[in-house]
Every structure is written in C-alpha cells, then in structure tokens.
Amino acid sequence: MAARGLLRAARLVLPGPGRGYAKKAAVKAKGKSAPKEAPKGPELCTDPAMLATHAMGVNYFKEGPEVTLKPDSEYPEWLFKIHLGPPKKLEELDPDSIEYWRRLRKYDTWQRNRLKKGKKL
C-alpha cells in the first residue's frame, strides 16, 4: 500500500507521459492558401571562358573562388585511363580479371532475386 502511495505522489510531482493516445493532427484549412515558392537551386554559370578554366561547383566553402583547372601534365596518368562510358558487358571482360568475376556475381544475384520474387509460399 505504501508503495502505491509513493508511485501516485511521484506521478503528480514528475511530469511524464500521460495515459491516452497521441495528439490528433491539426486540421488544415480548406481552400486556397498562399502560393508556395519553389526552392531555388545553385546559381548556374554560363560564361564559356570560366567553364573552360575552372571546376564549377567543386569548391565546398561558402565563399571563395572556384577551383582552377591545372594543365593535364599535373594530373596522374591513371586519371585519363578511367573508363567513363557505360559498363562493359560480361562477354567483353577477360575471364581472368577480378572485374569479370564481380560482374558475374552481380548477374547471379540479380537472377536469384528475380527467381525468389516469383516464388509463392
């Protein structure tokens, strides 16, 4: 009995979650409301000279100049050997390369997922 009395007193002193359900959502007013403004994206540079000599949008500081592009001789050779086109098909890859086996595993996973999706319990 004494424990019950202490719990009741603690509930009165310490605010806690009350009994009941969550508050109901506020009802929105029907009818026309003020038009919402669309969020604005970053400013686009259209100056061709600036686009040819600077990497636009790479500077992550809020203020400051854009990053200037260096001559090709200052960049490593592997940078220009990167394949930027669509991914090569499995038939185009060498079976002795790691890329071949990674792509094969990916295709196998896709096939397995497609088969599992069609199964019914």
PDB file of N, CA and C in Angstrom:
ATOM      1  N   MET A   1       0.813  -1.189   0.000  1.00  0.00           N
ATOM      2  CA  MET A   1       0.000   0.000   0.000  1.00  0.00           C
ATOM      3  C   MET A   1       0.854   1.248   0.000  1.00  0.00           C
ATOM      4  N   ALA A   2       1.913   1.216   0.773  1.00  0.00           N
ATOM      5  CA  ALA A   2       2.775   2.400   0.857  1.00  0.00           C
ATOM      6  C   ALA A   2       3.468   2.649  -0.481  1.00  0.00           C
ATOM      7  N   ALA A   3       3.796   1.570  -1.196  1.00  0.00           N
ATOM      8  CA  ALA A   3       4.459   1.717  -2.490  1.00  0.00           C
ATOM      9  C   ALA A   3       3.526   2.374  -3.491  1.00  0.00           C
ATOM     10  N   ARG A   4       2.229   2.021  -3.426  1.00  0.00           N
ATOM     11  CA  ARG A   4       1.259   2.632  -4.328  1.00  0.00           C
ATOM     12  C   ARG A   4       1.142   4.128  -4.066  1.00  0.00           C
ATOM     13  N   GLY A   5       1.132   4.481  -2.845  1.00  0.00           N
ATOM     14  CA  GLY A   5       1.025   5.889  -2.482  1.00  0.00           C
ATOM     15  C   GLY A   5       2.242   6.662  -2.968  1.00  0.00           C
ATOM     16  N   LEU A   6       3.427   6.057  -2.852  1.00  0.00           N
ATOM     17  CA  LEU A   6       4.643   6.716  -3.326  1.00  0.00           C
ATOM     18  C   LEU A   6       4.615   6.881  -4.843  1.00  0.00           C
ATOM     19  N   LEU A   7       4.135   5.868  -5.554  1.00  0.00           N
ATOM     20  CA  LEU A   7       4.056   5.958  -7.009  1.00  0.00           C
ATOM     21  C   LEU A   7       3.084   7.044  -7.443  1.00  0.00           C
ATOM     22  N   ARG A   8       1.945   7.143  -6.766  1.00  0.00           N
ATOM     23  CA  ARG A   8       0.979   8.196  -7.100  1.00  0.00           C
ATOM     24  C   ARG A   8       1.585   9.570  -6.870  1.00  0.00           C
ATOM     25  N   ALA A   9       2.291   9.720  -5.749  1.00  0.00           N
ATOM     26  CA  ALA A   9       2.913  11.010  -5.430  1.00  0.00           C
ATOM     27  C   ALA A   9       3.986  11.344  -6.461  1.00  0.00           C
ATOM     28  N   ALA A  10       4.733  10.335  -6.901  1.00  0.00           N
ATOM     29  CA  ALA A  10       5.780  10.558  -7.899  1.00  0.00           C
ATOM     30  C   ALA A  10       5.163  10.976  -9.227  1.00  0.00           C
ATOM     31  N   ARG A  11       4.019  10.405  -9.573  1.00  0.00           N
ATOM     32  CA  ARG A  11       3.355  10.772 -10.822  1.00  0.00           C
ATOM     33  C   ARG A  11       2.872  12.216 -10.787  1.00  0.00           C
ATOM     34  N   LEU A  12       2.441  12.665  -9.643  1.00  0.00           N
ATOM     35  CA  LEU A  12       1.971  14.038  -9.526  1.00  0.00           C
ATOM     36  C   LEU A  12       3.125  15.028  -9.592  1.00  0.00           C
ATOM     37  N   VAL A  13       4.272  14.649  -9.024  1.00  0.00           N
ATOM     38  CA  VAL A  13       5.423  15.555  -8.974  1.00  0.00           C
ATOM     39  C   VAL A  13       6.196  15.540 -10.284  1.00  0.00           C
ATOM     40  N   LEU A  14       6.458  14.341 -10.809  1.00  0.00           N
ATOM     41  CA  LEU A  14       7.252  14.201 -12.026  1.00  0.00           C
ATOM     42  C   LEU A  14       6.333  14.146 -13.240  1.00  0.00           C
ATOM     43  N   PRO A  15       6.451  15.121 -14.123  1.00  0.00           N
ATOM     44  CA  PRO A  15       5.612  15.040 -15.323  1.00  0.00           C
ATOM     45  C   PRO A  15       6.129  13.935 -16.238  1.00  0.00           C
ATOM     46  N   GLY A  16       5.259  13.152 -16.707  1.00  0.00           N
ATOM     47  CA  GLY A  16       5.629  12.050 -17.590  1.00  0.00           C
ATOM     48  C   GLY A  16       4.573  11.878 -18.646  1.00  0.00           C
ATOM     49  N   PRO A  17       4.721  10.865 -19.457  1.00  0.00           N
ATOM     50  CA  PRO A  17       3.715  10.656 -20.491  1.00  0.00           C
ATOM     51  C   PRO A  17       2.375  10.320 -19.854  1.00  0.00           C
ATOM     52  N   GLY A  18       1.359  11.020 -20.264  1.00  0.00           N
ATOM     53  CA  GLY A  18       0.029  10.776 -19.726  1.00  0.00           C
ATOM     54  C   GLY A  18      -0.600   9.570 -20.377  1.00  0.00           C
ATOM     55  N   ARG A  19      -1.642   9.119 -19.795  1.00  0.00           N
ATOM     56  CA  ARG A  19      -2.363   7.999 -20.386  1.00  0.00           C
ATOM     57  C   ARG A  19      -3.175   8.502 -21.561  1.00  0.00           C
ATOM     58  N   GLY A  20      -3.262   7.726 -22.564  1.00  0.00           N
ATOM     59  CA  GLY A  20      -4.073   8.122 -23.701  1.00  0.00           C
ATOM     60  C   GLY A  20      -3.288   7.995 -24.991  1.00  0.00           C
ATOM     61  N   TYR A  21      -3.869   8.507 -26.030  1.00  0.00           N
ATOM     62  CA  TYR A  21      -3.295   8.386 -27.348  1.00  0.00           C
ATOM     63  C   TYR A  21      -2.536   9.643 -27.721  1.00  0.00           C
ATOM     64  N   ALA A  22      -1.837   9.575 -28.828  1.00  0.00           N
ATOM     65  CA  ALA A  22      -1.097  10.736 -29.313  1.00  0.00           C
ATOM     66  C   ALA A  22      -2.073  11.831 -29.721  1.00  0.00           C
ATOM     67  N   LYS A  23      -1.571  13.050 -29.752  1.00  0.00           N
ATOM     68  CA  LYS A  23      -2.419  14.172 -30.141  1.00  0.00           C
ATOM     69  C   LYS A  23      -2.853  14.013 -31.584  1.00  0.00           C
ATOM     70  N   LYS A  24      -4.060  14.475 -31.852  1.00  0.00           N
ATOM     71  CA  LYS A  24      -4.572  14.411 -33.210  1.00  0.00           C
ATOM     72  C   LYS A  24      -3.896  15.481 -34.057  1.00  0.00           C
ATOM     73  N   ALA A  25      -3.731  15.180 -35.315  1.00  0.00           N
ATOM     74  CA  ALA A  25      -3.100  16.123 -36.222  1.00  0.00           C
ATOM     75  C   ALA A  25      -4.005  17.328 -36.410  1.00  0.00           C
ATOM     76  N   ALA A  26      -3.381  18.483 -36.563  1.00  0.00           N
ATOM     77  CA  ALA A  26      -4.147  19.702 -36.759  1.00  0.00           C
ATOM     78  C   ALA A  26      -4.832  19.649 -38.120  1.00  0.00           C
ATOM     79  N   VAL A  27      -6.061  20.089 -38.170  1.00  0.00           N
ATOM     80  CA  VAL A  27      -6.829  20.073 -39.411  1.00  0.00           C
ATOM     81  C   VAL A  27      -6.408  21.275 -40.239  1.00  0.00           C
ATOM     82  N   LYS A  28      -6.044  21.029 -41.490  1.00  0.00           N
ATOM     83  CA  LYS A  28      -5.636  22.110 -42.378  1.00  0.00           C
ATOM     84  C   LYS A  28      -6.872  22.814 -42.910  1.00  0.00           C
ATOM     85  N   ALA A  29      -6.723  24.106 -43.090  1.00  0.00           N
ATOM     86  CA  ALA A  29      -7.836  24.889 -43.617  1.00  0.00           C
ATOM     87  C   ALA A  29      -8.037  24.545 -45.092  1.00  0.00           C
ATOM     88  N   LYS A  30      -9.266  24.328 -45.468  1.00  0.00           N
ATOM     89  CA  LYS A  30      -9.557  24.011 -46.862  1.00  0.00           C
ATOM     90  C   LYS A  30      -9.681  25.305 -47.645  1.00  0.00           C
ATOM     91  N   GLY A  31      -9.388  25.217 -48.896  1.00  0.00           N
ATOM     92  CA  GLY A  31      -9.495  26.398 -49.730  1.00  0.00           C
ATOM     93  C   GLY A  31      -8.122  26.818 -50.223  1.00  0.00           C
ATOM     94  N   LYS A  32      -8.099  27.977 -50.839  1.00  0.00           N
ATOM     95  CA  LYS A  32      -6.841  28.457 -51.407  1.00  0.00           C
ATOM     96  C   LYS A  32      -5.956  29.014 -50.309  1.00  0.00           C
ATOM     97  N   SER A  33      -4.701  28.706 -50.412  1.00  0.00           N
ATOM     98  CA  SER A  33      -3.734  29.264 -49.474  1.00  0.00           C
ATOM     99  C   SER A  33      -2.681  30.018 -50.277  1.00  0.00           C
ATOM    100  N   ALA A  34      -1.766  30.619 -49.597  1.00  0.00           N
ATOM    101  CA  ALA A  34      -0.730  31.392 -50.276  1.00  0.00           C
ATOM    102  C   ALA A  34       0.102  30.463 -51.154  1.00  0.00           C
ATOM    103  N   PRO A  35       0.460  30.885 -52.363  1.00  0.00           N
ATOM    104  CA  PRO A  35       1.268  30.021 -53.238  1.00  0.00           C
ATOM    105  C   PRO A  35       2.649  29.799 -52.640  1.00  0.00           C
ATOM    106  N   LYS A  36       3.107  28.573 -52.719  1.00  0.00           N
ATOM    107  CA  LYS A  36       4.415  28.228 -52.172  1.00  0.00           C
ATOM    108  C   LYS A  36       5.490  28.502 -53.210  1.00  0.00           C
ATOM    109  N   GLU A  37       6.602  29.020 -52.748  1.00  0.00           N
ATOM    110  CA  GLU A  37       7.724  29.289 -53.640  1.00  0.00           C
ATOM    111  C   GLU A  37       8.562  28.029 -53.771  1.00  0.00           C
ATOM    112  N   ALA A  38       8.949  27.718 -54.972  1.00  0.00           N
ATOM    113  CA  ALA A  38       9.782  26.540 -55.213  1.00  0.00           C
ATOM    114  C   ALA A  38      11.189  26.812 -54.697  1.00  0.00           C
ATOM    115  N   PRO A  39      11.855  25.804 -54.120  1.00  0.00           N
ATOM    116  CA  PRO A  39      13.220  26.027 -53.646  1.00  0.00           C
ATOM    117  C   PRO A  39      14.156  26.321 -54.811  1.00  0.00           C
ATOM    118  N   LYS A  40      15.050  27.249 -54.588  1.00  0.00           N
ATOM    119  CA  LYS A  40      15.971  27.653 -55.645  1.00  0.00           C
ATOM    120  C   LYS A  40      17.236  26.810 -55.565  1.00  0.00           C
ATOM    121  N   GLY A  41      17.720  26.385 -56.701  1.00  0.00           N
ATOM    122  CA  GLY A  41      18.948  25.604 -56.776  1.00  0.00           C
ATOM    123  C   GLY A  41      20.161  26.518 -56.830  1.00  0.00           C
ATOM    124  N   PRO A  42      21.335  25.952 -56.999  1.00  0.00           N
ATOM    125  CA  PRO A  42      22.537  26.774 -57.073  1.00  0.00           C
ATOM    126  C   PRO A  42      22.551  27.597 -58.359  1.00  0.00           C
ATOM    127  N   GLU A  43      23.272  28.680 -58.310  1.00  0.00           N
ATOM    128  CA  GLU A  43      23.376  29.532 -59.487  1.00  0.00           C
ATOM    129  C   GLU A  43      24.212  28.819 -60.552  1.00  0.00           C
ATOM    130  N   LEU A  44      23.768  28.892 -61.791  1.00  0.00           N
ATOM    131  CA  LEU A  44      24.474  28.246 -62.886  1.00  0.00           C
ATOM    132  C   LEU A  44      25.347  29.264 -63.608  1.00  0.00           C
ATOM    133  N   CYS A  45      26.562  28.857 -63.896  1.00  0.00           N
ATOM    134  CA  CYS A  45      27.482  29.720 -64.630  1.00  0.00           C
ATOM    135  C   CYS A  45      27.328  29.413 -66.118  1.00  0.00           C
ATOM    136  N   THR A  46      27.183  30.445 -66.924  1.00  0.00           N
ATOM    137  CA  THR A  46      27.041  30.257 -68.364  1.00  0.00           C
ATOM    138  C   THR A  46      28.212  30.874 -69.130  1.00  0.00           C
ATOM    139  N   ASP A  47      29.195  31.386 -68.422  1.00  0.00           N
ATOM    140  CA  ASP A  47      30.352  32.003 -69.071  1.00  0.00           C
ATOM    141  C   ASP A  47      31.261  30.903 -69.619  1.00  0.00           C
ATOM    142  N   PRO A  48      31.451  30.788 -70.943  1.00  0.00           N
ATOM    143  CA  PRO A  48      32.251  29.698 -71.508  1.00  0.00           C
ATOM    144  C   PRO A  48      33.723  29.760 -71.093  1.00  0.00           C
ATOM    145  N   ALA A  49      34.274  30.949 -70.929  1.00  0.00           N
ATOM    146  CA  ALA A  49      35.681  31.066 -70.523  1.00  0.00           C
ATOM    147  C   ALA A  49      35.867  30.539 -69.101  1.00  0.00           C
ATOM    148  N   MET A  50      34.930  30.853 -68.225  1.00  0.00           N
ATOM    149  CA  MET A  50      35.011  30.390 -66.830  1.00  0.00           C
ATOM    150  C   MET A  50      34.810  28.870 -66.763  1.00  0.00           C
ATOM    151  N   LEU A  51      33.901  28.338 -67.576  1.00  0.00           N
ATOM    152  CA  LEU A  51      33.655  26.900 -67.578  1.00  0.00           C
ATOM    153  C   LEU A  51      34.849  26.112 -68.101  1.00  0.00           C
ATOM    154  N   ALA A  52      35.648  26.711 -69.002  1.00  0.00           N
ATOM    155  CA  ALA A  52      36.800  26.023 -69.577  1.00  0.00           C
ATOM    156  C   ALA A  52      38.006  26.053 -68.662  1.00  0.00           C
ATOM    157  N   THR A  53      38.072  26.983 -67.718  1.00  0.00           N
ATOM    158  CA  THR A  53      39.273  27.126 -66.890  1.00  0.00           C
ATOM    159  C   THR A  53      39.044  26.802 -65.423  1.00  0.00           C
ATOM    160  N   HIS A  54      37.794  26.628 -64.993  1.00  0.00           N
ATOM    161  CA  HIS A  54      37.508  26.370 -63.579  1.00  0.00           C
ATOM    162  C   HIS A  54      36.572  25.174 -63.439  1.00  0.00           C
ATOM    163  N   ALA A  55      36.687  24.483 -62.303  1.00  0.00           N
ATOM    164  CA  ALA A  55      35.773  23.392 -61.975  1.00  0.00           C
ATOM    165  C   ALA A  55      34.623  24.002 -61.171  1.00  0.00           C
ATOM    166  N   MET A  56      33.525  24.255 -61.828  1.00  0.00           N
ATOM    167  CA  MET A  56      32.399  24.953 -61.198  1.00  0.00           C
ATOM    168  C   MET A  56      31.653  24.001 -60.263  1.00  0.00           C
ATOM    169  N   GLY A  57      31.354  24.482 -59.059  1.00  0.00           N
ATOM    170  CA  GLY A  57      30.598  23.702 -58.088  1.00  0.00           C
ATOM    171  C   GLY A  57      31.435  22.753 -57.264  1.00  0.00           C
ATOM    172  N   VAL A  58      32.747  22.750 -57.420  1.00  0.00           N
ATOM    173  CA  VAL A  58      33.604  21.832 -56.667  1.00  0.00           C
ATOM    174  C   VAL A  58      34.040  22.449 -55.344  1.00  0.00           C
ATOM    175  N   ASN A  59      34.096  23.762 -55.275  1.00  0.00           N
ATOM    176  CA  ASN A  59      34.509  24.434 -54.049  1.00  0.00           C
ATOM    177  C   ASN A  59      33.435  24.245 -52.987  1.00  0.00           C
ATOM    178  N   TYR A  60      33.776  23.628 -51.869  1.00  0.00           N
ATOM    179  CA  TYR A  60      32.786  23.337 -50.843  1.00  0.00           C
ATOM    180  C   TYR A  60      32.719  24.416 -49.771  1.00  0.00           C
ATOM    181  N   PHE A  61      33.509  25.467 -49.878  1.00  0.00           N
ATOM    182  CA  PHE A  61      33.401  26.589 -48.953  1.00  0.00           C
ATOM    183  C   PHE A  61      32.255  27.487 -49.386  1.00  0.00           C
ATOM    184  N   LYS A  62      31.639  28.174 -48.438  1.00  0.00           N
ATOM    185  CA  LYS A  62      30.518  29.051 -48.773  1.00  0.00           C
ATOM    186  C   LYS A  62      30.983  30.232 -49.603  1.00  0.00           C
ATOM    187  N   GLU A  63      32.143  30.740 -49.305  1.00  0.00           N
ATOM    188  CA  GLU A  63      32.672  31.879 -50.045  1.00  0.00           C
ATOM    189  C   GLU A  63      34.070  31.535 -50.526  1.00  0.00           C
ATOM    190  N   GLY A  64      34.473  32.172 -51.581  1.00  0.00           N
ATOM    191  CA  GLY A  64      35.802  31.947 -52.122  1.00  0.00           C
ATOM    192  C   GLY A  64      35.753  31.654 -53.598  1.00  0.00           C
ATOM    193  N   PRO A  65      36.910  31.673 -54.241  1.00  0.00           N
ATOM    194  CA  PRO A  65      36.932  31.453 -55.693  1.00  0.00           C
ATOM    195  C   PRO A  65      36.714  29.983 -56.038  1.00  0.00           C
ATOM    196  N   GLU A  66      36.312  29.760 -57.266  1.00  0.00           N
ATOM    197  CA  GLU A  66      36.150  28.392 -57.760  1.00  0.00           C
ATOM    198  C   GLU A  66      37.526  27.767 -57.987  1.00  0.00           C
ATOM    199  N   VAL A  67      37.569  26.444 -58.005  1.00  0.00           N
ATOM    200  CA  VAL A  67      38.829  25.718 -58.168  1.00  0.00           C
ATOM    201  C   VAL A  67      39.297  25.845 -59.620  1.00  0.00           C
ATOM    202  N   THR A  68      40.549  26.270 -59.807  1.00  0.00           N
ATOM    203  CA  THR A  68      41.115  26.433 -61.145  1.00  0.00           C
ATOM    204  C   THR A  68      41.640  25.095 -61.641  1.00  0.00           C
ATOM    205  N   LEU A  69      41.374  24.787 -62.901  1.00  0.00           N
ATOM    206  CA  LEU A  69      41.873  23.550 -63.502  1.00  0.00           C
ATOM    207  C   LEU A  69      43.351  23.699 -63.824  1.00  0.00           C
ATOM    208  N   LYS A  70      44.119  22.636 -63.575  1.00  0.00           N
ATOM    209  CA  LYS A  70      45.556  22.628 -63.861  1.00  0.00           C
ATOM    210  C   LYS A  70      45.787  22.033 -65.245  1.00  0.00           C
ATOM    211  N   PRO A  71      46.992  22.186 -65.794  1.00  0.00           N
ATOM    212  CA  PRO A  71      47.275  21.530 -67.075  1.00  0.00           C
ATOM    213  C   PRO A  71      47.289  20.004 -66.903  1.00  0.00           C
ATOM    214  N   ASP A  72      47.055  19.276 -68.000  1.00  0.00           N
ATOM    215  CA  ASP A  72      46.976  17.812 -67.950  1.00  0.00           C
ATOM    216  C   ASP A  72      48.246  17.176 -67.417  1.00  0.00           C
ATOM    217  N   SER A  73      49.382  17.815 -67.580  1.00  0.00           N
ATOM    218  CA  SER A  73      50.655  17.232 -67.137  1.00  0.00           C
ATOM    219  C   SER A  73      50.746  17.140 -65.614  1.00  0.00           C
ATOM    220  N   GLU A  74      49.945  17.911 -64.890  1.00  0.00           N
ATOM    221  CA  GLU A  74      49.999  17.889 -63.423  1.00  0.00           C
ATOM    222  C   GLU A  74      49.086  16.833 -62.810  1.00  0.00           C
ATOM    223  N   TYR A  75      48.278  16.165 -63.619  1.00  0.00           N
ATOM    224  CA  TYR A  75      47.403  15.112 -63.121  1.00  0.00           C
ATOM    225  C   TYR A  75      48.028  13.749 -63.410  1.00  0.00           C
ATOM    226  N   PRO A  76      47.747  12.716 -62.584  1.00  0.00           N
ATOM    227  CA  PRO A  76      48.329  11.391 -62.818  1.00  0.00           C
ATOM    228  C   PRO A  76      47.790  10.746 -64.098  1.00  0.00           C
ATOM    229  N   GLU A  77      48.582   9.829 -64.661  1.00  0.00           N
ATOM    230  CA  GLU A  77      48.223   9.175 -65.921  1.00  0.00           C
ATOM    231  C   GLU A  77      46.957   8.329 -65.791  1.00  0.00           C
ATOM    232  N   TRP A  78      46.794   7.646 -64.640  1.00  0.00           N
ATOM    233  CA  TRP A  78      45.648   6.745 -64.491  1.00  0.00           C
ATOM    234  C   TRP A  78      44.325   7.502 -64.550  1.00  0.00           C
ATOM    235  N   LEU A  79      44.342   8.798 -64.271  1.00  0.00           N
ATOM    236  CA  LEU A  79      43.120   9.579 -64.291  1.00  0.00           C
ATOM    237  C   LEU A  79      42.510   9.632 -65.687  1.00  0.00           C
ATOM    238  N   PHE A  80      43.361   9.635 -66.707  1.00  0.00           N
ATOM    239  CA  PHE A  80      42.876   9.719 -68.079  1.00  0.00           C
ATOM    240  C   PHE A  80      42.565   8.347 -68.666  1.00  0.00           C
ATOM    241  N   LYS A  81      42.897   7.271 -67.942  1.00  0.00           N
ATOM    242  CA  LYS A  81      42.617   5.912 -68.412  1.00  0.00           C
ATOM    243  C   LYS A  81      41.326   5.342 -67.833  1.00  0.00           C
ATOM    244  N   ILE A  82      40.641   6.098 -66.997  1.00  0.00           N
ATOM    245  CA  ILE A  82      39.408   5.626 -66.373  1.00  0.00           C
ATOM    246  C   ILE A  82      38.322   5.486 -67.435  1.00  0.00           C
ATOM    247  N   HIS A  83      37.615   4.360 -67.401  1.00  0.00           N
ATOM    248  CA  HIS A  83      36.528   4.105 -68.354  1.00  0.00           C
ATOM    249  C   HIS A  83      35.290   4.870 -67.891  1.00  0.00           C
ATOM    250  N   LEU A  84      34.859   5.864 -68.677  1.00  0.00           N
ATOM    251  CA  LEU A  84      33.731   6.703 -68.296  1.00  0.00           C
ATOM    252  C   LEU A  84      32.446   6.350 -69.029  1.00  0.00           C
ATOM    253  N   GLY A  85      32.496   5.417 -69.940  1.00  0.00           N
ATOM    254  CA  GLY A  85      31.315   5.038 -70.706  1.00  0.00           C
ATOM    255  C   GLY A  85      30.423   4.097 -69.923  1.00  0.00           C
ATOM    256  N   PRO A  86      29.455   3.489 -70.605  1.00  0.00           N
ATOM    257  CA  PRO A  86      28.598   2.520 -69.925  1.00  0.00           C
ATOM    258  C   PRO A  86      29.417   1.296 -69.518  1.00  0.00           C
ATOM    259  N   PRO A  87      28.984   0.581 -68.480  1.00  0.00           N
ATOM    260  CA  PRO A  87      29.755  -0.571 -68.027  1.00  0.00           C
ATOM    261  C   PRO A  87      29.883  -1.634 -69.114  1.00  0.00           C
ATOM    262  N   LYS A  88      31.030  -2.282 -69.156  1.00  0.00           N
ATOM    263  CA  LYS A  88      31.264  -3.319 -70.163  1.00  0.00           C
ATOM    264  C   LYS A  88      30.415  -4.538 -69.859  1.00  0.00           C
ATOM    265  N   LYS A  89      30.016  -5.235 -70.914  1.00  0.00           N
ATOM    266  CA  LYS A  89      29.231  -6.450 -70.737  1.00  0.00           C
ATOM    267  C   LYS A  89      30.150  -7.586 -70.332  1.00  0.00           C
ATOM    268  N   LEU A  90      29.552  -8.644 -69.816  1.00  0.00           N
ATOM    269  CA  LEU A  90      30.321  -9.783 -69.319  1.00  0.00           C
ATOM    270  C   LEU A  90      31.151 -10.410 -70.428  1.00  0.00           C
ATOM    271  N   GLU A  91      30.632 -10.435 -71.637  1.00  0.00           N
ATOM    272  CA  GLU A  91      31.340 -11.055 -72.760  1.00  0.00           C
ATOM    273  C   GLU A  91      32.575 -10.249 -73.152  1.00  0.00           C
ATOM    274  N   GLU A  92      32.574  -8.954 -72.868  1.00  0.00           N
ATOM    275  CA  GLU A  92      33.697  -8.094 -73.241  1.00  0.00           C
ATOM    276  C   GLU A  92      34.843  -8.159 -72.241  1.00  0.00           C
ATOM    277  N   LEU A  93      34.596  -8.680 -71.035  1.00  0.00           N
ATOM    278  CA  LEU A  93      35.620  -8.719 -69.993  1.00  0.00           C
ATOM    279  C   LEU A  93      36.469  -9.980 -70.105  1.00  0.00           C
ATOM    280  N   ASP A  94      37.694  -9.893 -69.607  1.00  0.00           N
ATOM    281  CA  ASP A  94      38.618 -11.017 -69.596  1.00  0.00           C
ATOM    282  C   ASP A  94      38.257 -11.943 -68.428  1.00  0.00           C
ATOM    283  N   PRO A  95      38.073 -13.255 -68.662  1.00  0.00           N
ATOM    284  CA  PRO A  95      37.690 -14.160 -67.569  1.00  0.00           C
ATOM    285  C   PRO A  95      38.724 -14.270 -66.456  1.00  0.00           C
ATOM    286  N   ASP A  96      39.949 -13.804 -66.690  1.00  0.00           N
ATOM    287  CA  ASP A  96      40.977 -13.875 -65.650  1.00  0.00           C
ATOM    288  C   ASP A  96      41.026 -12.609 -64.799  1.00  0.00           C
ATOM    289  N   SER A  97      40.149 -11.645 -65.062  1.00  0.00           N
ATOM    290  CA  SER A  97      40.197 -10.388 -64.309  1.00  0.00           C
ATOM    291  C   SER A  97      39.191 -10.413 -63.158  1.00  0.00           C
ATOM    292  N   ILE A  98      39.459  -9.583 -62.147  1.00  0.00           N
ATOM    293  CA  ILE A  98      38.568  -9.502 -60.990  1.00  0.00           C
ATOM    294  C   ILE A  98      37.242  -8.837 -61.375  1.00  0.00           C
ATOM    295  N   GLU A  99      37.271  -7.923 -62.363  1.00  0.00           N
ATOM    296  CA  GLU A  99      36.039  -7.260 -62.801  1.00  0.00           C
ATOM    297  C   GLU A  99      35.059  -8.272 -63.388  1.00  0.00           C
ATOM    298  N   TYR A 100      35.591  -9.275 -64.115  1.00  0.00           N
ATOM    299  CA  TYR A 100      34.749 -10.311 -64.706  1.00  0.00           C
ATOM    300  C   TYR A 100      33.984 -11.064 -63.617  1.00  0.00           C
ATOM    301  N   TRP A 101      34.704 -11.475 -62.578  1.00  0.00           N
ATOM    302  CA  TRP A 101      34.080 -12.276 -61.531  1.00  0.00           C
ATOM    303  C   TRP A 101      33.130 -11.453 -60.684  1.00  0.00           C
ATOM    304  N   ARG A 102      33.418 -10.179 -60.482  1.00  0.00           N
ATOM    305  CA  ARG A 102      32.483  -9.311 -59.753  1.00  0.00           C
ATOM    306  C   ARG A 102      31.193  -9.128 -60.549  1.00  0.00           C
ATOM    307  N   ARG A 103      31.320  -8.904 -61.848  1.00  0.00           N
ATOM    308  CA  ARG A 103      30.147  -8.731 -62.696  1.00  0.00           C
ATOM    309  C   ARG A 103      29.344 -10.031 -62.752  1.00  0.00           C
ATOM    310  N   LEU A 104      30.030 -11.179 -62.819  1.00  0.00           N
ATOM    311  CA  LEU A 104      29.338 -12.477 -62.833  1.00  0.00           C
ATOM    312  C   LEU A 104      28.545 -12.689 -61.545  1.00  0.00           C
ATOM    313  N   ARG A 105      29.141 -12.319 -60.414  1.00  0.00           N
ATOM    314  CA  ARG A 105      28.444 -12.457 -59.135  1.00  0.00           C
ATOM    315  C   ARG A 105      27.219 -11.539 -59.090  1.00  0.00           C
ATOM    316  N   LYS A 106      27.354 -10.331 -59.640  1.00  0.00           N
ATOM    317  CA  LYS A 106      26.232  -9.397 -59.658  1.00  0.00           C
ATOM    318  C   LYS A 106      25.095  -9.933 -60.514  1.00  0.00           C
ATOM    319  N   TYR A 107      25.431 -10.470 -61.707  1.00  0.00           N
ATOM    320  CA  TYR A 107      24.399 -11.042 -62.573  1.00  0.00           C
ATOM    321  C   TYR A 107      23.708 -12.225 -61.900  1.00  0.00           C
ATOM    322  N   ASP A 108      24.495 -13.050 -61.192  1.00  0.00           N
ATOM    323  CA  ASP A 108      23.942 -14.202 -60.491  1.00  0.00           C
ATOM    324  C   ASP A 108      22.986 -13.749 -59.382  1.00  0.00           C
ATOM    325  N   THR A 109      23.359 -12.690 -58.662  1.00  0.00           N
ATOM    326  CA  THR A 109      22.497 -12.167 -57.602  1.00  0.00           C
ATOM    327  C   THR A 109      21.199 -11.633 -58.187  1.00  0.00           C
ATOM    328  N   TRP A 110      21.283 -10.915 -59.302  1.00  0.00           N
ATOM    329  CA  TRP A 110      20.076 -10.402 -59.948  1.00  0.00           C
ATOM    330  C   TRP A 110      19.158 -11.537 -60.368  1.00  0.00           C
ATOM    331  N   GLN A 111      19.736 -12.587 -60.956  1.00  0.00           N
ATOM    332  CA  GLN A 111      18.954 -13.741 -61.401  1.00  0.00           C
ATOM    333  C   GLN A 111      18.280 -14.432 -60.217  1.00  0.00           C
ATOM    334  N   ARG A 112      19.024 -14.616 -59.119  1.00  0.00           N
ATOM    335  CA  ARG A 112      18.481 -15.264 -57.934  1.00  0.00           C
ATOM    336  C   ARG A 112      17.342 -14.446 -57.334  1.00  0.00           C
ATOM    337  N   ASN A 113      17.505 -13.122 -57.306  1.00  0.00           N
ATOM    338  CA  ASN A 113      16.447 -12.258 -56.773  1.00  0.00           C
ATOM    339  C   ASN A 113      15.199 -12.306 -57.643  1.00  0.00           C
ATOM    340  N   ARG A 114      15.371 -12.360 -58.954  1.00  0.00           N
ATOM    341  CA  ARG A 114      14.222 -12.464 -59.847  1.00  0.00           C
ATOM    342  C   ARG A 114      13.469 -13.778 -59.630  1.00  0.00           C
ATOM    343  N   LEU A 115      14.219 -14.866 -59.411  1.00  0.00           N
ATOM    344  CA  LEU A 115      13.571 -16.154 -59.171  1.00  0.00           C
ATOM    345  C   LEU A 115      12.855 -16.177 -57.834  1.00  0.00           C
ATOM    346  N   LYS A 116      13.455 -15.556 -56.802  1.00  0.00           N
ATOM    347  CA  LYS A 116      12.815 -15.519 -55.498  1.00  0.00           C
ATOM    348  C   LYS A 116      11.563 -14.681 -55.513  1.00  0.00           C
ATOM    349  N   LYS A 117      11.555 -13.630 -56.310  1.00  0.00           N
ATOM    350  CA  LYS A 117      10.404 -12.740 -56.371  1.00  0.00           C
ATOM    351  C   LYS A 117       9.181 -13.467 -56.927  1.00  0.00           C
ATOM    352  N   GLY A 118       9.387 -14.411 -57.818  1.00  0.00           N
ATOM    353  CA  GLY A 118       8.277 -15.143 -58.414  1.00  0.00           C
ATOM    354  C   GLY A 118       7.755 -16.265 -57.542  1.00  0.00           C
ATOM    355  N   LYS A 119       8.525 -16.678 -56.518  1.00  0.00           N
ATOM    356  CA  LYS A 119       8.084 -17.793 -55.669  1.00  0.00           C
ATOM    357  C   LYS A 119       6.950 -17.376 -54.758  1.00  0.00           C
ATOM    358  N   LYS A 120       6.041 -18.294 -54.517  1.00  0.00           N
ATOM    359  CA  LYS A 120       4.973 -18.058 -53.558  1.00  0.00           C
ATOM    360  C   LYS A 120       5.019 -19.157 -52.508  1.00  0.00           C
ATOM    361  N   LEU A 121       4.718 -18.788 -51.281  1.00  0.00           N
ATOM    362  CA  LEU A 121       4.770 -19.763 -50.193  1.00  0.00           C
ATOM    363  C   LEU A 121       3.587 -20.678 -50.194  1.00  0.00           C
TER     364      LEU A 121
END
